[in-house]
């Protein structure tokens, strides 16, 4: 059984709730768009920040259903674990291992989605970007929880986990800026 330090527990709670709410809003908007092709999602802000074009893409339904449903289910489990962690409940190590594997899969899927969003679809979804922002943080927090006592190369990865998160953010921000550079500079 492993208890989570309070700061980590609250970080997990905030991150998982943000991802869960974003996934729910996206799922609702996606179903509204499926029922009414003329529906304009709440997150269509301008030509670049537009969920509608993202939701209409084949990449938004990789497994035959809206991708945000994966987030609703996954973040529901993670929110439950975070609530228990905030309450001080010690969970078995394999629970944390399962969450860690889910977050690793989530980060891999997010990287694939970022590529397709930028270079195939050509638009950004604000709710998706919330998930992009919080998932690496959650992975870093759970990495410490599950691998904090490791040795050797794994220990080095654990110690450098926040650096990896910052590098991830920097790379994504540069990619977003470069992909839409003409649009961003036209705003100035």
Protein backbone atom coordinates (compact mmCIF):
# COMPACT_ATOMS: atom_id res chain seq x y z
CA UNK A 1 0.00 0.00 0.00
CA UNK A 2 1.31 3.39 -0.99
CA UNK A 3 0.13 6.74 0.35
CA UNK A 4 0.63 9.86 -1.73
CA UNK A 5 2.14 13.06 -0.30
CA UNK A 6 -0.54 15.78 0.05
CA UNK A 7 0.98 18.12 -2.57
CA UNK A 8 1.10 15.31 -5.11
CA UNK A 9 -2.44 14.22 -4.21
CA UNK A 10 -3.80 17.73 -4.81
CA UNK A 11 -1.82 18.06 -8.05
CA UNK A 12 -3.35 14.78 -9.21
CA UNK A 13 -6.83 15.96 -8.25
CA UNK A 14 -6.57 19.31 -10.06
CA UNK A 15 -5.03 17.75 -13.17
CA UNK A 16 -7.44 14.86 -13.41
CA UNK A 17 -10.51 17.04 -12.85
CA UNK A 18 -9.32 19.48 -15.54
CA UNK A 19 -8.79 16.62 -18.00
CA UNK A 20 -12.10 15.01 -17.09
CA UNK A 21 -14.11 18.23 -17.52
CA UNK A 22 -12.38 18.97 -20.84
CA UNK A 23 -13.16 15.44 -22.05
CA UNK A 24 -16.82 15.75 -21.03
CA UNK A 25 -17.26 19.11 -22.78
CA UNK A 26 -15.59 17.75 -25.92
CA UNK A 27 -17.75 14.63 -25.86
CA UNK A 28 -20.95 16.66 -25.53
CA UNK A 29 -19.89 19.04 -28.32
CA UNK A 30 -18.86 16.11 -30.51
CA UNK A 31 -22.27 14.42 -30.09
CA UNK A 32 -24.02 17.71 -30.82
CA UNK A 33 -21.93 18.07 -33.99
CA UNK A 34 -22.71 14.48 -35.01
CA UNK A 35 -26.45 15.13 -34.56
CA UNK A 36 -26.37 18.53 -36.25
CA UNK A 37 -23.57 19.18 -38.79
CA UNK A 38 -24.41 22.91 -38.64
CA UNK A 39 -23.68 23.03 -34.89
CA UNK A 40 -20.83 25.38 -33.95
CA UNK A 41 -18.87 24.02 -30.97
CA UNK A 42 -18.30 26.27 -27.97
CA UNK A 43 -14.56 26.27 -28.62
CA UNK A 44 -14.61 27.64 -32.18
CA UNK A 45 -12.84 30.94 -31.57
CA UNK A 46 -11.01 31.76 -34.82
CA UNK A 47 -9.62 29.95 -37.88
CA UNK A 48 -6.76 28.40 -35.86
CA UNK A 49 -8.42 27.75 -32.50
CA UNK A 50 -11.40 25.76 -33.71
CA UNK A 51 -12.64 22.47 -32.25
CA UNK A 52 -15.16 21.96 -35.03
CA UNK A 53 -12.58 21.20 -37.70
CA UNK A 54 -10.71 18.95 -35.27
CA UNK A 55 -13.90 17.06 -34.32
CA UNK A 56 -14.86 16.62 -37.97
CA UNK A 57 -11.56 14.91 -38.78
CA UNK A 58 -11.08 11.15 -39.02
CA UNK A 59 -8.33 11.45 -36.38
CA UNK A 60 -10.99 12.52 -33.85
CA UNK A 61 -12.59 9.07 -34.10
CA UNK A 62 -9.54 6.79 -34.27
CA UNK A 63 -11.26 3.78 -32.71
CA UNK A 64 -14.67 4.35 -34.28
CA UNK A 65 -16.04 6.58 -31.52
CA UNK A 66 -15.14 10.11 -30.37
CA UNK A 67 -11.64 10.20 -28.82
CA UNK A 68 -12.82 12.27 -25.82
CA UNK A 69 -14.75 9.23 -24.56
CA UNK A 70 -11.34 7.69 -23.83
CA UNK A 71 -10.60 10.76 -21.71
CA UNK A 72 -13.94 10.61 -19.91
CA UNK A 73 -13.35 6.99 -18.92
CA UNK A 74 -9.63 7.31 -18.16
CA UNK A 75 -9.91 10.55 -16.23
CA UNK A 76 -12.88 9.15 -14.26
CA UNK A 77 -10.63 6.40 -12.91
CA UNK A 78 -7.82 8.89 -12.28
CA UNK A 79 -10.15 11.37 -10.51
CA UNK A 80 -11.33 8.57 -8.23
CA UNK A 81 -7.74 7.66 -7.37
CA UNK A 82 -6.88 11.34 -6.81
CA UNK A 83 -9.84 11.83 -4.46
CA UNK A 84 -8.75 8.78 -2.49
CA UNK A 85 -5.17 10.12 -2.41
CA UNK A 86 -6.34 13.52 -1.12
CA UNK A 87 -8.35 11.69 1.55
CA UNK A 88 -5.16 9.93 2.63
CA UNK A 89 -6.18 6.47 1.49
CA UNK A 90 -3.16 4.30 0.69
CA UNK A 91 -3.70 2.34 -2.52
CA UNK A 92 -1.86 -0.79 -3.63
CA UNK A 93 1.22 -0.19 -5.76
CA UNK A 94 -0.39 -1.98 -8.70
CA UNK A 95 -3.15 0.67 -8.78
CA UNK A 96 -0.50 3.33 -9.28
CA UNK A 97 1.24 1.11 -11.82
CA UNK A 98 -1.99 0.83 -13.79
CA UNK A 99 -2.47 4.60 -13.70
CA UNK A 100 1.15 5.08 -14.76
CA UNK A 101 0.69 2.74 -17.76
CA UNK A 102 -2.51 4.55 -18.70
CA UNK A 103 -0.74 7.91 -18.54
CA UNK A 104 2.18 6.64 -20.63
CA UNK A 105 -0.33 5.44 -23.25
CA UNK A 106 -2.09 8.81 -22.93
CA UNK A 107 1.10 10.78 -23.57
CA UNK A 108 1.92 8.62 -26.61
CA UNK A 109 -1.62 9.14 -27.95
CA UNK A 110 -1.40 12.87 -27.25
CA UNK A 111 1.88 13.12 -29.18
CA UNK A 112 0.21 11.40 -32.13
CA UNK A 113 -2.78 13.75 -31.86
CA UNK A 114 -0.56 16.84 -31.61
CA UNK A 115 1.18 15.87 -34.85
CA UNK A 116 -2.11 15.28 -36.66
CA UNK A 117 -3.72 18.40 -35.20
CA UNK A 118 -0.85 20.58 -36.37
CA UNK A 119 0.14 19.01 -39.68
CA UNK A 120 -2.96 17.20 -40.98
CA UNK A 121 -5.96 19.08 -39.57
CA UNK A 122 -4.40 22.54 -39.19
CA UNK A 123 -6.39 23.71 -36.17
CA UNK A 124 -6.11 23.71 -32.39
CA UNK A 125 -8.74 22.57 -29.93
CA UNK A 126 -8.54 24.42 -26.57
CA UNK A 127 -10.05 21.52 -24.62
CA UNK A 128 -7.61 19.11 -26.24
CA UNK A 129 -4.79 21.45 -25.27
CA UNK A 130 -5.93 21.28 -21.63
CA UNK A 131 -5.51 17.51 -21.81
CA UNK A 132 -2.15 17.99 -23.58
CA UNK A 133 -1.04 20.29 -20.75
CA UNK A 134 -2.10 18.18 -17.77
CA UNK A 135 -1.33 14.63 -18.90
CA UNK A 136 2.49 15.03 -18.84
CA UNK A 137 2.25 16.64 -15.38
CA UNK A 138 0.15 13.74 -14.14
CA UNK A 139 2.62 11.28 -15.64
CA UNK A 140 5.52 13.02 -13.88
CA UNK A 141 3.70 12.96 -10.54
CA UNK A 142 2.75 9.29 -10.81
CA UNK A 143 6.26 8.42 -12.05
CA UNK A 144 7.64 9.64 -8.73
CA UNK A 145 4.95 7.69 -6.90
CA UNK A 146 5.62 4.41 -8.66
CA UNK A 147 9.34 4.62 -9.45
CA UNK A 148 10.60 6.94 -6.68
CA UNK A 149 12.69 4.22 -5.01
CA UNK A 150 14.20 2.86 -8.21
CA UNK A 151 17.94 2.75 -8.86
CA UNK A 152 20.19 3.23 -11.84
CA UNK A 153 18.87 4.68 -15.08
CA UNK A 154 15.26 4.64 -13.88
CA UNK A 155 16.26 6.75 -10.87
CA UNK A 156 17.83 9.32 -13.21
CA UNK A 157 14.61 9.44 -15.26
CA UNK A 158 12.61 9.98 -12.06
CA UNK A 159 14.89 12.79 -10.94
CA UNK A 160 14.68 14.49 -14.34
CA UNK A 161 10.94 14.01 -14.87
CA UNK A 162 10.03 17.69 -14.51
CA UNK A 163 12.75 18.63 -16.97
CA UNK A 164 11.15 16.24 -19.47
CA UNK A 165 7.79 17.91 -18.89
CA UNK A 166 9.28 21.36 -19.53
CA UNK A 167 11.03 20.11 -22.68
CA UNK A 168 7.72 18.59 -23.86
CA UNK A 169 5.96 21.94 -23.36
CA UNK A 170 8.77 23.84 -25.11
CA UNK A 171 8.73 21.51 -28.11
CA UNK A 172 4.93 21.68 -28.43
CA UNK A 173 4.91 25.49 -28.10
CA UNK A 174 7.60 25.85 -30.75
CA UNK A 175 5.73 23.47 -33.06
CA UNK A 176 2.48 25.40 -32.57
CA UNK A 177 4.21 28.73 -33.14
CA UNK A 178 6.04 27.57 -36.27
CA UNK A 179 3.00 25.83 -37.75
CA UNK A 180 0.79 28.90 -37.38
CA UNK A 181 3.52 31.55 -37.51
CA UNK A 182 1.84 33.53 -40.27
CA UNK A 183 -1.40 33.74 -38.30
CA UNK A 184 0.27 34.68 -34.99
CA UNK A 185 2.37 37.42 -36.60
CA UNK A 186 -0.68 38.80 -38.42
CA UNK A 187 -2.22 39.53 -35.01
CA UNK A 188 0.57 41.92 -34.11
